[in-house]
PDB file of N, CA and C in Angstrom:
ATOM      1  N   MET A   1      26.847 154.983 103.683  1.00  0.00           N
ATOM      2  CA  MET A   1      25.666 154.156 103.840  1.00  0.00           C
ATOM      3  C   MET A   1      24.512 154.975 104.394  1.00  0.00           C
ATOM      4  N   ALA A   2      23.321 154.561 104.044  1.00  0.00           N
ATOM      5  CA  ALA A   2      22.137 155.265 104.524  1.00  0.00           C
ATOM      6  C   ALA A   2      21.881 154.934 105.997  1.00  0.00           C
ATOM      7  N   ARG A   3      21.284 155.873 106.666  1.00  0.00           N
ATOM      8  CA  ARG A   3      20.950 155.687 108.074  1.00  0.00           C
ATOM      9  C   ARG A   3      19.688 154.844 108.200  1.00  0.00           C
ATOM     10  N   VAL A   4      19.718 153.854 109.076  1.00  0.00           N
ATOM     11  CA  VAL A   4      18.553 152.999 109.293  1.00  0.00           C
ATOM     12  C   VAL A   4      17.986 153.302 110.673  1.00  0.00           C
ATOM     13  N   LYS A   5      16.716 153.633 110.714  1.00  0.00           N
ATOM     14  CA  LYS A   5      16.062 153.909 111.990  1.00  0.00           C
ATOM     15  C   LYS A   5      15.271 152.665 112.411  1.00  0.00           C
ATOM     16  N   GLY A   6      15.253 152.379 113.694  1.00  0.00           N
ATOM     17  CA  GLY A   6      14.705 151.109 114.164  1.00  0.00           C
ATOM     18  C   GLY A   6      13.290 151.167 114.694  1.00  0.00           C
ATOM     19  N   ALA A   7      12.591 152.263 114.433  1.00  0.00           N
ATOM     20  CA  ALA A   7      11.276 152.436 115.053  1.00  0.00           C
ATOM     21  C   ALA A   7      10.280 151.359 114.633  1.00  0.00           C
ATOM     22  N   MET A   8      10.281 150.970 113.385  1.00  0.00           N
ATOM     23  CA  MET A   8       9.290 150.010 112.891  1.00  0.00           C
ATOM     24  C   MET A   8       9.480 148.627 113.526  1.00  0.00           C
ATOM     25  N   MET A   9      10.731 148.181 113.574  1.00  0.00           N
ATOM     26  CA  MET A   9      10.995 146.864 114.157  1.00  0.00           C
ATOM     27  C   MET A   9      10.741 146.865 115.667  1.00  0.00           C
ATOM     28  N   THR A  10      11.084 147.987 116.315  1.00  0.00           N
ATOM     29  CA  THR A  10      10.826 148.093 117.752  1.00  0.00           C
ATOM     30  C   THR A  10       9.336 148.003 118.031  1.00  0.00           C
ATOM     31  N   ARG A  11       8.549 148.710 117.230  1.00  0.00           N
ATOM     32  CA  ARG A  11       7.097 148.710 117.396  1.00  0.00           C
ATOM     33  C   ARG A  11       6.541 147.304 117.161  1.00  0.00           C
ATOM     34  N   LYS A  12       7.044 146.613 116.114  1.00  0.00           N
ATOM     35  CA  LYS A  12       6.574 145.246 115.820  1.00  0.00           C
ATOM     36  C   LYS A  12       6.897 144.302 116.981  1.00  0.00           C
ATOM     37  N   ARG A  13       8.114 144.438 117.512  1.00  0.00           N
ATOM     38  CA  ARG A  13       8.533 143.578 118.611  1.00  0.00           C
ATOM     39  C   ARG A  13       7.671 143.818 119.848  1.00  0.00           C
ATOM     40  N   ARG A  14       7.403 145.088 120.127  1.00  0.00           N
ATOM     41  CA  ARG A  14       6.572 145.422 121.285  1.00  0.00           C
ATOM     42  C   ARG A  14       5.139 144.955 121.096  1.00  0.00           C
ATOM     43  N   ASN A  15       4.622 145.134 119.906  1.00  0.00           N
ATOM     44  CA  ASN A  15       3.244 144.700 119.641  1.00  0.00           C
ATOM     45  C   ASN A  15       3.109 143.188 119.758  1.00  0.00           C
ATOM     46  N   LYS A  16       4.147 142.456 119.338  1.00  0.00           N
ATOM     47  CA  LYS A  16       4.126 140.994 119.442  1.00  0.00           C
ATOM     48  C   LYS A  16       4.042 140.565 120.911  1.00  0.00           C
ATOM     49  N   THR A  17       4.834 141.216 121.757  1.00  0.00           N
ATOM     50  CA  THR A  17       4.804 140.910 123.186  1.00  0.00           C
ATOM     51  C   THR A  17       3.464 141.285 123.800  1.00  0.00           C
ATOM     52  N   LEU A  18       2.939 142.464 123.435  1.00  0.00           N
ATOM     53  CA  LEU A  18       1.657 142.909 123.976  1.00  0.00           C
ATOM     54  C   LEU A  18       0.521 142.001 123.524  1.00  0.00           C
ATOM     55  N   LYS A  19       0.640 141.472 122.312  1.00  0.00           N
ATOM     56  CA  LYS A  19      -0.384 140.542 121.822  1.00  0.00           C
ATOM     57  C   LYS A  19      -0.369 139.252 122.643  1.00  0.00           C
ATOM     58  N   LEU A  20       0.841 138.774 122.993  1.00  0.00           N
ATOM     59  CA  LEU A  20       0.956 137.572 123.830  1.00  0.00           C
ATOM     60  C   LEU A  20       0.414 137.825 125.237  1.00  0.00           C
ATOM     61  N   ALA A  21       0.489 139.093 125.697  1.00  0.00           N
ATOM     62  CA  ALA A  21       0.038 139.437 127.043  1.00  0.00           C
ATOM     63  C   ALA A  21      -1.432 139.829 127.088  1.00  0.00           C
ATOM     64  N   LYS A  22      -2.124 139.698 125.968  1.00  0.00           N
ATOM     65  CA  LYS A  22      -3.535 140.079 125.931  1.00  0.00           C
ATOM     66  C   LYS A  22      -4.323 139.218 126.908  1.00  0.00           C
ATOM     67  N   GLY A  23      -5.156 139.860 127.721  1.00  0.00           N
ATOM     68  CA  GLY A  23      -5.955 139.138 128.693  1.00  0.00           C
ATOM     69  C   GLY A  23      -5.336 139.086 130.075  1.00  0.00           C
ATOM     70  N   TYR A  24      -4.095 139.534 130.201  1.00  0.00           N
ATOM     71  CA  TYR A  24      -3.470 139.571 131.517  1.00  0.00           C
ATOM     72  C   TYR A  24      -4.081 140.700 132.335  1.00  0.00           C
ATOM     73  N   PHE A  25      -4.015 140.583 133.648  1.00  0.00           N
ATOM     74  CA  PHE A  25      -4.668 141.521 134.556  1.00  0.00           C
ATOM     75  C   PHE A  25      -3.916 142.850 134.621  1.00  0.00           C
ATOM     76  N   GLY A  26      -4.658 143.935 134.580  1.00  0.00           N
ATOM     77  CA  GLY A  26      -4.127 145.275 134.832  1.00  0.00           C
ATOM     78  C   GLY A  26      -3.073 145.715 133.844  1.00  0.00           C
ATOM     79  N   ALA A  27      -2.004 146.310 134.370  1.00  0.00           N
ATOM     80  CA  ALA A  27      -0.963 146.901 133.526  1.00  0.00           C
ATOM     81  C   ALA A  27      -0.146 145.851 132.775  1.00  0.00           C
ATOM     82  N   LYS A  28      -0.236 144.607 133.200  1.00  0.00           N
ATOM     83  CA  LYS A  28       0.530 143.549 132.533  1.00  0.00           C
ATOM     84  C   LYS A  28       0.130 143.369 131.072  1.00  0.00           C
ATOM     85  N   SER A  29      -1.075 143.807 130.737  1.00  0.00           N
ATOM     86  CA  SER A  29      -1.514 143.680 129.344  1.00  0.00           C
ATOM     87  C   SER A  29      -1.385 144.995 128.576  1.00  0.00           C
ATOM     88  N   LYS A  30      -1.009 146.080 129.264  1.00  0.00           N
ATOM     89  CA  LYS A  30      -0.966 147.399 128.625  1.00  0.00           C
ATOM     90  C   LYS A  30       0.449 147.965 128.505  1.00  0.00           C
ATOM     91  N   HIS A  31       1.249 147.820 129.561  1.00  0.00           N
ATOM     92  CA  HIS A  31       2.585 148.403 129.583  1.00  0.00           C
ATOM     93  C   HIS A  31       3.609 147.386 129.123  1.00  0.00           C
ATOM     94  N   PHE A  32       4.442 147.813 128.175  1.00  0.00           N
ATOM     95  CA  PHE A  32       5.379 146.878 127.557  1.00  0.00           C
ATOM     96  C   PHE A  32       6.318 146.242 128.575  1.00  0.00           C
ATOM     97  N   LYS A  33       6.862 147.052 129.493  1.00  0.00           N
ATOM     98  CA  LYS A  33       7.849 146.537 130.436  1.00  0.00           C
ATOM     99  C   LYS A  33       7.249 145.425 131.315  1.00  0.00           C
ATOM    100  N   MET A  34       6.061 145.662 131.810  1.00  0.00           N
ATOM    101  CA  MET A  34       5.413 144.659 132.655  1.00  0.00           C
ATOM    102  C   MET A  34       4.928 143.471 131.828  1.00  0.00           C
ATOM    103  N   ALA A  35       4.459 143.757 130.624  1.00  0.00           N
ATOM    104  CA  ALA A  35       3.995 142.675 129.740  1.00  0.00           C
ATOM    105  C   ALA A  35       5.137 141.750 129.373  1.00  0.00           C
ATOM    106  N   LYS A  36       6.306 142.330 129.126  1.00  0.00           N
ATOM    107  CA  LYS A  36       7.477 141.532 128.760  1.00  0.00           C
ATOM    108  C   LYS A  36       7.836 140.568 129.887  1.00  0.00           C
ATOM    109  N   GLN A  37       7.837 141.065 131.124  1.00  0.00           N
ATOM    110  CA  GLN A  37       8.146 140.214 132.276  1.00  0.00           C
ATOM    111  C   GLN A  37       7.100 139.109 132.432  1.00  0.00           C
ATOM    112  N   ALA A  38       5.828 139.489 132.278  1.00  0.00           N
ATOM    113  CA  ALA A  38       4.746 138.514 132.450  1.00  0.00           C
ATOM    114  C   ALA A  38       4.789 137.436 131.376  1.00  0.00           C
ATOM    115  N   VAL A  39       5.099 137.830 130.140  1.00  0.00           N
ATOM    116  CA  VAL A  39       5.169 136.873 129.028  1.00  0.00           C
ATOM    117  C   VAL A  39       6.347 135.924 129.226  1.00  0.00           C
ATOM    118  N   MET A  40       7.480 136.453 129.696  1.00  0.00           N
ATOM    119  CA  MET A  40       8.640 135.594 129.944  1.00  0.00           C
ATOM    120  C   MET A  40       8.330 134.571 131.036  1.00  0.00           C
ATOM    121  N   LYS A  41       7.672 135.036 132.106  1.00  0.00           N
ATOM    122  CA  LYS A  41       7.335 134.133 133.212  1.00  0.00           C
ATOM    123  C   LYS A  41       6.299 133.088 132.772  1.00  0.00           C
ATOM    124  N   SER A  42       5.319 133.526 131.987  1.00  0.00           N
ATOM    125  CA  SER A  42       4.300 132.576 131.525  1.00  0.00           C
ATOM    126  C   SER A  42       4.910 131.542 130.593  1.00  0.00           C
ATOM    127  N   GLY A  43       5.925 131.955 129.825  1.00  0.00           N
ATOM    128  CA  GLY A  43       6.631 130.998 128.972  1.00  0.00           C
ATOM    129  C   GLY A  43       7.364 129.950 129.789  1.00  0.00           C
ATOM    130  N   GLN A  44       7.926 130.381 130.905  1.00  0.00           N
ATOM    131  CA  GLN A  44       8.600 129.430 131.792  1.00  0.00           C
ATOM    132  C   GLN A  44       7.594 128.452 132.402  1.00  0.00           C
ATOM    133  N   TYR A  45       6.457 128.981 132.833  1.00  0.00           N
ATOM    134  CA  TYR A  45       5.421 128.114 133.394  1.00  0.00           C
ATOM    135  C   TYR A  45       4.919 127.115 132.356  1.00  0.00           C
ATOM    136  N   ALA A  46       4.763 127.583 131.107  1.00  0.00           N
ATOM    137  CA  ALA A  46       4.276 126.697 130.042  1.00  0.00           C
ATOM    138  C   ALA A  46       5.274 125.578 129.774  1.00  0.00           C
ATOM    139  N   TYR A  47       6.566 125.927 129.762  1.00  0.00           N
ATOM    140  CA  TYR A  47       7.613 124.939 129.524  1.00  0.00           C
ATOM    141  C   TYR A  47       7.610 123.894 130.633  1.00  0.00           C
ATOM    142  N   ILE A  48       7.567 124.363 131.884  1.00  0.00           N
ATOM    143  CA  ILE A  48       7.545 123.448 133.034  1.00  0.00           C
ATOM    144  C   ILE A  48       6.286 122.587 133.002  1.00  0.00           C
ATOM    145  N   GLY A  49       5.150 123.226 132.635  1.00  0.00           N
ATOM    146  CA  GLY A  49       3.871 122.522 132.602  1.00  0.00           C
ATOM    147  C   GLY A  49       3.840 121.382 131.607  1.00  0.00           C
ATOM    148  N   ARG A  50       4.546 121.560 130.482  1.00  0.00           N
ATOM    149  CA  ARG A  50       4.589 120.486 129.480  1.00  0.00           C
ATOM    150  C   ARG A  50       5.305 119.258 130.026  1.00  0.00           C
ATOM    151  N   LYS A  51       6.281 119.466 130.892  1.00  0.00           N
ATOM    152  CA  LYS A  51       6.972 118.339 131.527  1.00  0.00           C
ATOM    153  C   LYS A  51       6.095 117.720 132.624  1.00  0.00           C
ATOM    154  N   GLN A  52       5.440 118.600 133.417  1.00  0.00           N
ATOM    155  CA  GLN A  52       4.634 118.117 134.531  1.00  0.00           C
ATOM    156  C   GLN A  52       3.423 117.334 134.062  1.00  0.00           C
ATOM    157  N   ARG A  53       2.863 117.698 132.902  1.00  0.00           N
ATOM    158  CA  ARG A  53       1.682 116.995 132.387  1.00  0.00           C
ATOM    159  C   ARG A  53       1.982 115.522 132.181  1.00  0.00           C
ATOM    160  N   LYS A  54       3.176 115.219 131.673  1.00  0.00           N
ATOM    161  CA  LYS A  54       3.565 113.819 131.452  1.00  0.00           C
ATOM    162  C   LYS A  54       3.638 113.068 132.779  1.00  0.00           C
ATOM    163  N   ARG A  55       4.211 113.737 133.801  1.00  0.00           N
ATOM    164  CA  ARG A  55       4.290 113.113 135.132  1.00  0.00           C
ATOM    165  C   ARG A  55       2.909 112.895 135.719  1.00  0.00           C
ATOM    166  N   ASP A  56       2.072 113.921 135.583  1.00  0.00           N
ATOM    167  CA  ASP A  56       0.732 113.845 136.174  1.00  0.00           C
ATOM    168  C   ASP A  56      -0.090 112.717 135.578  1.00  0.00           C
ATOM    169  N   PHE A  57      -0.024 112.569 134.246  1.00  0.00           N
ATOM    170  CA  PHE A  57      -0.792 111.502 133.610  1.00  0.00           C
ATOM    171  C   PHE A  57      -0.266 110.130 134.006  1.00  0.00           C
ATOM    172  N   ARG A  58       1.056 109.974 134.067  1.00  0.00           N
ATOM    173  CA  ARG A  58       1.611 108.682 134.490  1.00  0.00           C
ATOM    174  C   ARG A  58       1.157 108.343 135.906  1.00  0.00           C
ATOM    175  N   GLN A  59       1.172 109.359 136.783  1.00  0.00           N
ATOM    176  CA  GLN A  59       0.722 109.154 138.168  1.00  0.00           C
ATOM    177  C   GLN A  59      -0.750 108.755 138.214  1.00  0.00           C
ATOM    178  N   LEU A  60      -1.570 109.377 137.378  1.00  0.00           N
ATOM    179  CA  LEU A  60      -2.997 109.050 137.308  1.00  0.00           C
ATOM    180  C   LEU A  60      -3.199 107.610 136.847  1.00  0.00           C
ATOM    181  N   TRP A  61      -2.475 107.214 135.794  1.00  0.00           N
ATOM    182  CA  TRP A  61      -2.612 105.850 135.276  1.00  0.00           C
ATOM    183  C   TRP A  61      -2.209 104.830 136.334  1.00  0.00           C
ATOM    184  N   ILE A  62      -1.111 105.107 137.038  1.00  0.00           N
ATOM    185  CA  ILE A  62      -0.640 104.182 138.070  1.00  0.00           C
ATOM    186  C   ILE A  62      -1.672 104.055 139.192  1.00  0.00           C
ATOM    187  N   THR A  63      -2.274 105.177 139.574  1.00  0.00           N
ATOM    188  CA  THR A  63      -3.296 105.155 140.626  1.00  0.00           C
ATOM    189  C   THR A  63      -4.487 104.310 140.200  1.00  0.00           C
ATOM    190  N   ARG A  64      -4.918 104.476 138.955  1.00  0.00           N
ATOM    191  CA  ARG A  64      -6.054 103.701 138.441  1.00  0.00           C
ATOM    192  C   ARG A  64      -5.734 102.210 138.385  1.00  0.00           C
ATOM    193  N   ILE A  65      -4.543 101.878 137.893  1.00  0.00           N
ATOM    194  CA  ILE A  65      -4.141 100.472 137.799  1.00  0.00           C
ATOM    195  C   ILE A  65      -4.064  99.862 139.205  1.00  0.00           C
ATOM    196  N   SER A  66      -3.504 100.633 140.129  1.00  0.00           N
ATOM    197  CA  SER A  66      -3.369 100.163 141.504  1.00  0.00           C
ATOM    198  C   SER A  66      -4.726  99.855 142.124  1.00  0.00           C
ATOM    199  N   ALA A  67      -5.683 100.759 141.914  1.00  0.00           N
ATOM    200  CA  ALA A  67      -7.029 100.558 142.469  1.00  0.00           C
ATOM    201  C   ALA A  67      -7.687  99.320 141.869  1.00  0.00           C
ATOM    202  N   ALA A  68      -7.547  99.153 140.552  1.00  0.00           N
ATOM    203  CA  ALA A  68      -8.154  98.003 139.885  1.00  0.00           C
ATOM    204  C   ALA A  68      -7.463  96.700 140.295  1.00  0.00           C
ATOM    205  N   ALA A  69      -6.151  96.736 140.481  1.00  0.00           N
ATOM    206  CA  ALA A  69      -5.413  95.540 140.890  1.00  0.00           C
ATOM    207  C   ALA A  69      -5.811  95.134 142.303  1.00  0.00           C
ATOM    208  N   LYS A  70      -6.007  96.122 143.185  1.00  0.00           N
ATOM    209  CA  LYS A  70      -6.433  95.819 144.558  1.00  0.00           C
ATOM    210  C   LYS A  70      -7.791  95.136 144.583  1.00  0.00           C
ATOM    211  N   LEU A  71      -8.688  95.536 143.674  1.00  0.00           N
ATOM    212  CA  LEU A  71      -9.996  94.889 143.583  1.00  0.00           C
ATOM    213  C   LEU A  71      -9.858  93.421 143.190  1.00  0.00           C
ATOM    214  N   ASN A  72      -8.758  93.106 142.487  1.00  0.00           N
ATOM    215  CA  ASN A  72      -8.519  91.729 142.060  1.00  0.00           C
ATOM    216  C   ASN A  72      -7.510  91.011 142.957  1.00  0.00           C
ATOM    217  N   GLY A  73      -7.223  91.576 144.105  1.00  0.00           N
ATOM    218  CA  GLY A  73      -6.399  90.878 145.092  1.00  0.00           C
ATOM    219  C   GLY A  73      -4.904  90.968 144.892  1.00  0.00           C
ATOM    220  N   MET A  74      -4.427  92.024 144.248  1.00  0.00           N
ATOM    221  CA  MET A  74      -2.983  92.219 144.068  1.00  0.00           C
ATOM    222  C   MET A  74      -2.654  93.680 144.316  1.00  0.00           C
ATOM    223  N   ASN A  75      -1.412  93.938 144.707  1.00  0.00           N
ATOM    224  CA  ASN A  75      -1.012  95.338 144.752  1.00  0.00           C
ATOM    225  C   ASN A  75      -0.325  95.717 143.436  1.00  0.00           C
ATOM    226  N   TYR A  76      -0.060  96.996 143.269  1.00  0.00           N
ATOM    227  CA  TYR A  76       0.425  97.502 141.970  1.00  0.00           C
ATOM    228  C   TYR A  76       1.771  96.904 141.576  1.00  0.00           C
ATOM    229  N   SER A  77       2.724  96.940 142.497  1.00  0.00           N
ATOM    230  CA  SER A  77       4.078  96.505 142.144  1.00  0.00           C
ATOM    231  C   SER A  77       4.118  95.020 141.803  1.00  0.00           C
ATOM    232  N   THR A  78       3.375  94.213 142.549  1.00  0.00           N
ATOM    233  CA  THR A  78       3.313  92.771 142.261  1.00  0.00           C
ATOM    234  C   THR A  78       2.649  92.524 140.912  1.00  0.00           C
ATOM    235  N   PHE A  79       1.598  93.292 140.651  1.00  0.00           N
ATOM    236  CA  PHE A  79       0.890  93.164 139.371  1.00  0.00           C
ATOM    237  C   PHE A  79       1.808  93.496 138.197  1.00  0.00           C
ATOM    238  N   MET A  80       2.543  94.606 138.306  1.00  0.00           N
ATOM    239  CA  MET A  80       3.426  95.017 137.208  1.00  0.00           C
ATOM    240  C   MET A  80       4.574  94.014 137.023  1.00  0.00           C
ATOM    241  N   ASN A  81       5.080  93.474 138.122  1.00  0.00           N
ATOM    242  CA  ASN A  81       6.122  92.451 138.038  1.00  0.00           C
ATOM    243  C   ASN A  81       5.575  91.202 137.352  1.00  0.00           C
ATOM    244  N   GLY A  82       4.351  90.817 137.706  1.00  0.00           N
ATOM    245  CA  GLY A  82       3.728  89.659 137.068  1.00  0.00           C
ATOM    246  C   GLY A  82       3.489  89.886 135.583  1.00  0.00           C
ATOM    247  N   CYS A  83       3.095  91.096 135.223  1.00  0.00           N
ATOM    248  CA  CYS A  83       2.887  91.420 133.806  1.00  0.00           C
ATOM    249  C   CYS A  83       4.186  91.293 133.022  1.00  0.00           C
ATOM    250  N   LYS A  84       5.259  91.804 133.614  1.00  0.00           N
ATOM    251  CA  LYS A  84       6.564  91.741 132.942  1.00  0.00           C
ATOM    252  C   LYS A  84       6.992  90.286 132.750  1.00  0.00           C
ATOM    253  N   LYS A  85       6.803  89.463 133.785  1.00  0.00           N
ATOM    254  CA  LYS A  85       7.194  88.053 133.696  1.00  0.00           C
ATOM    255  C   LYS A  85       6.297  87.268 132.752  1.00  0.00           C
ATOM    256  N   ALA A  86       5.028  87.688 132.650  1.00  0.00           N
ATOM    257  CA  ALA A  86       4.084  87.002 131.755  1.00  0.00           C
ATOM    258  C   ALA A  86       4.252  87.450 130.302  1.00  0.00           C
ATOM    259  N   GLY A  87       5.060  88.495 130.088  1.00  0.00           N
ATOM    260  CA  GLY A  87       5.276  88.988 128.718  1.00  0.00           C
ATOM    261  C   GLY A  87       4.163  89.900 128.226  1.00  0.00           C
ATOM    262  N   ILE A  88       3.421  90.479 129.146  1.00  0.00           N
ATOM    263  CA  ILE A  88       2.367  91.427 128.779  1.00  0.00           C
ATOM    264  C   ILE A  88       3.026  92.789 128.616  1.00  0.00           C
ATOM    265  N   THR A  89       3.027  93.308 127.394  1.00  0.00           N
ATOM    266  CA  THR A  89       3.760  94.538 127.107  1.00  0.00           C
ATOM    267  C   THR A  89       2.844  95.747 126.951  1.00  0.00           C
ATOM    268  N   LEU A  90       1.671  95.695 127.559  1.00  0.00           N
ATOM    269  CA  LEU A  90       0.778  96.860 127.514  1.00  0.00           C
ATOM    270  C   LEU A  90       1.349  97.971 128.390  1.00  0.00           C
ATOM    271  N   ASN A  91       1.272  99.215 127.895  1.00  0.00           N
ATOM    272  CA  ASN A  91       1.762 100.322 128.708  1.00  0.00           C
ATOM    273  C   ASN A  91       0.724 100.714 129.752  1.00  0.00           C
ATOM    274  N   ARG A  92       1.112 101.599 130.651  1.00  0.00           N
ATOM    275  CA  ARG A  92       0.254 101.975 131.779  1.00  0.00           C
ATOM    276  C   ARG A  92      -1.020 102.679 131.333  1.00  0.00           C
ATOM    277  N   LYS A  93      -0.910 103.460 130.262  1.00  0.00           N
ATOM    278  CA  LYS A  93      -2.091 104.162 129.749  1.00  0.00           C
ATOM    279  C   LYS A  93      -3.151 103.162 129.302  1.00  0.00           C
ATOM    280  N   MET A  94      -2.742 102.161 128.549  1.00  0.00           N
ATOM    281  CA  MET A  94      -3.690 101.160 128.048  1.00  0.00           C
ATOM    282  C   MET A  94      -4.216 100.292 129.183  1.00  0.00           C
ATOM    283  N   LEU A  95      -3.361  99.939 130.125  1.00  0.00           N
ATOM    284  CA  LEU A  95      -3.819  99.146 131.269  1.00  0.00           C
ATOM    285  C   LEU A  95      -4.872  99.896 132.077  1.00  0.00           C
ATOM    286  N   SER A  96      -4.678 101.220 132.246  1.00  0.00           N
ATOM    287  CA  SER A  96      -5.671 101.997 133.009  1.00  0.00           C
ATOM    288  C   SER A  96      -6.978 102.117 132.236  1.00  0.00           C
ATOM    289  N   GLU A  97      -6.900 102.240 130.912  1.00  0.00           N
ATOM    290  CA  GLU A  97      -8.121 102.301 130.095  1.00  0.00           C
ATOM    291  C   GLU A  97      -8.889 100.980 130.165  1.00  0.00           C
ATOM    292  N   ILE A  98      -8.158  99.866 130.123  1.00  0.00           N
ATOM    293  CA  ILE A  98      -8.795  98.548 130.245  1.00  0.00           C
ATOM    294  C   ILE A  98      -9.431  98.403 131.628  1.00  0.00           C
ATOM    295  N   ALA A  99      -8.727  98.879 132.648  1.00  0.00           N
ATOM    296  CA  ALA A  99      -9.244  98.788 134.018  1.00  0.00           C
ATOM    297  C   ALA A  99     -10.544  99.570 134.175  1.00  0.00           C
ATOM    298  N   ILE A 100     -10.661 100.699 133.491  1.00  0.00           N
ATOM    299  CA  ILE A 100     -11.867 101.531 133.598  1.00  0.00           C
ATOM    300  C   ILE A 100     -13.020 100.941 132.789  1.00  0.00           C
ATOM    301  N   HIS A 101     -12.736 100.595 131.537  1.00  0.00           N
ATOM    302  CA  HIS A 101     -13.807 100.258 130.594  1.00  0.00           C
ATOM    303  C   HIS A 101     -14.116  98.772 130.471  1.00  0.00           C
ATOM    304  N   ASP A 102     -13.174  97.905 130.878  1.00  0.00           N
ATOM    305  CA  ASP A 102     -13.378  96.468 130.701  1.00  0.00           C
ATOM    306  C   ASP A 102     -12.849  95.725 131.930  1.00  0.00           C
ATOM    307  N   ALA A 103     -13.670  95.662 132.965  1.00  0.00           N
ATOM    308  CA  ALA A 103     -13.237  95.061 134.233  1.00  0.00           C
ATOM    309  C   ALA A 103     -12.909  93.579 134.082  1.00  0.00           C
ATOM    310  N   GLU A 104     -13.703  92.867 133.268  1.00  0.00           N
ATOM    311  CA  GLU A 104     -13.442  91.431 133.068  1.00  0.00           C
ATOM    312  C   GLU A 104     -12.116  91.212 132.349  1.00  0.00           C
ATOM    313  N   GLY A 105     -11.853  92.028 131.366  1.00  0.00           N
ATOM    314  CA  GLY A 105     -10.584  91.935 130.639  1.00  0.00           C
ATOM    315  C   GLY A 105      -9.397  92.197 131.543  1.00  0.00           C
ATOM    316  N   PHE A 106      -9.549  93.183 132.424  1.00  0.00           N
ATOM    317  CA  PHE A 106      -8.463  93.489 133.361  1.00  0.00           C
ATOM    318  C   PHE A 106      -8.277  92.343 134.351  1.00  0.00           C
ATOM    319  N   ALA A 107      -9.392  91.740 134.768  1.00  0.00           N
ATOM    320  CA  ALA A 107      -9.301  90.590 135.673  1.00  0.00           C
ATOM    321  C   ALA A 107      -8.551  89.437 135.016  1.00  0.00           C
ATOM    322  N   ALA A 108      -8.746  89.265 133.712  1.00  0.00           N
ATOM    323  CA  ALA A 108      -8.020  88.214 132.978  1.00  0.00           C
ATOM    324  C   ALA A 108      -6.525  88.514 132.932  1.00  0.00           C
ATOM    325  N   ILE A 109      -6.184  89.788 132.750  1.00  0.00           N
ATOM    326  CA  ILE A 109      -4.763  90.180 132.745  1.00  0.00           C
ATOM    327  C   ILE A 109      -4.151  89.931 134.121  1.00  0.00           C
ATOM    328  N   VAL A 110      -4.909  90.270 135.177  1.00  0.00           N
ATOM    329  CA  VAL A 110      -4.417  90.025 136.543  1.00  0.00           C
ATOM    330  C   VAL A 110      -4.206  88.527 136.774  1.00  0.00           C
ATOM    331  N   ALA A 111      -5.118  87.712 136.255  1.00  0.00           N
ATOM    332  CA  ALA A 111      -4.978  86.249 136.400  1.00  0.00           C
ATOM    333  C   ALA A 111      -3.703  85.755 135.710  1.00  0.00           C
ATOM    334  N   GLN A 112      -3.413  86.299 134.526  1.00  0.00           N
ATOM    335  CA  GLN A 112      -2.185  85.928 133.811  1.00  0.00           C
ATOM    336  C   GLN A 112      -0.958  86.361 134.607  1.00  0.00           C
ATOM    337  N   ALA A 113      -1.016  87.574 135.171  1.00  0.00           N
ATOM    338  CA  ALA A 113       0.112  88.094 135.958  1.00  0.00           C
ATOM    339  C   ALA A 113       0.331  87.226 137.206  1.00  0.00           C
ATOM    340  N   LYS A 114      -0.754  86.797 137.851  1.00  0.00           N
ATOM    341  CA  LYS A 114      -0.648  85.935 139.040  1.00  0.00           C
ATOM    342  C   LYS A 114      -0.030  84.598 138.678  1.00  0.00           C
ATOM    343  N   ALA A 115      -0.433  84.063 137.537  1.00  0.00           N
ATOM    344  CA  ALA A 115       0.074  82.762 137.102  1.00  0.00           C
ATOM    345  C   ALA A 115       1.576  82.820 136.795  1.00  0.00           C
ATOM    346  N   ALA A 116       2.044  83.974 136.324  1.00  0.00           N
ATOM    347  CA  ALA A 116       3.458  84.102 135.949  1.00  0.00           C
ATOM    348  C   ALA A 116       4.360  84.217 137.166  1.00  0.00           C
ATOM    349  N   LEU A 117       3.812  84.577 138.313  1.00  0.00           N
ATOM    350  CA  LEU A 117       4.638  84.748 139.523  1.00  0.00           C
ATOM    351  C   LEU A 117       4.980  83.429 140.195  1.00  0.00           C
TER     352      LEU A 117
END
């Protein structure tokens, strides 16, 4: 069998990593060994960040709903319990959008939730 030399694939692999590390500070964007470590760590941060973004947005929506419910004389947990009992199946994202953009509409939802309790 013919001898296969790996220089081309090694160079491609290294260039791919260095391309991902473009813009990193100092040697992290120039030296393969440091770039490889930085790219691996940034990949871990990106993976974790995709999970945290979902948590952060849910927390934001809950905070907004809570603030709007307090303005209408209810706390968050009582409001959500009333919504469930009233059969209001809007998710937290939509409830927070209604609370921001349509205060009267949100007040009507709170009234329905109060009536269901």
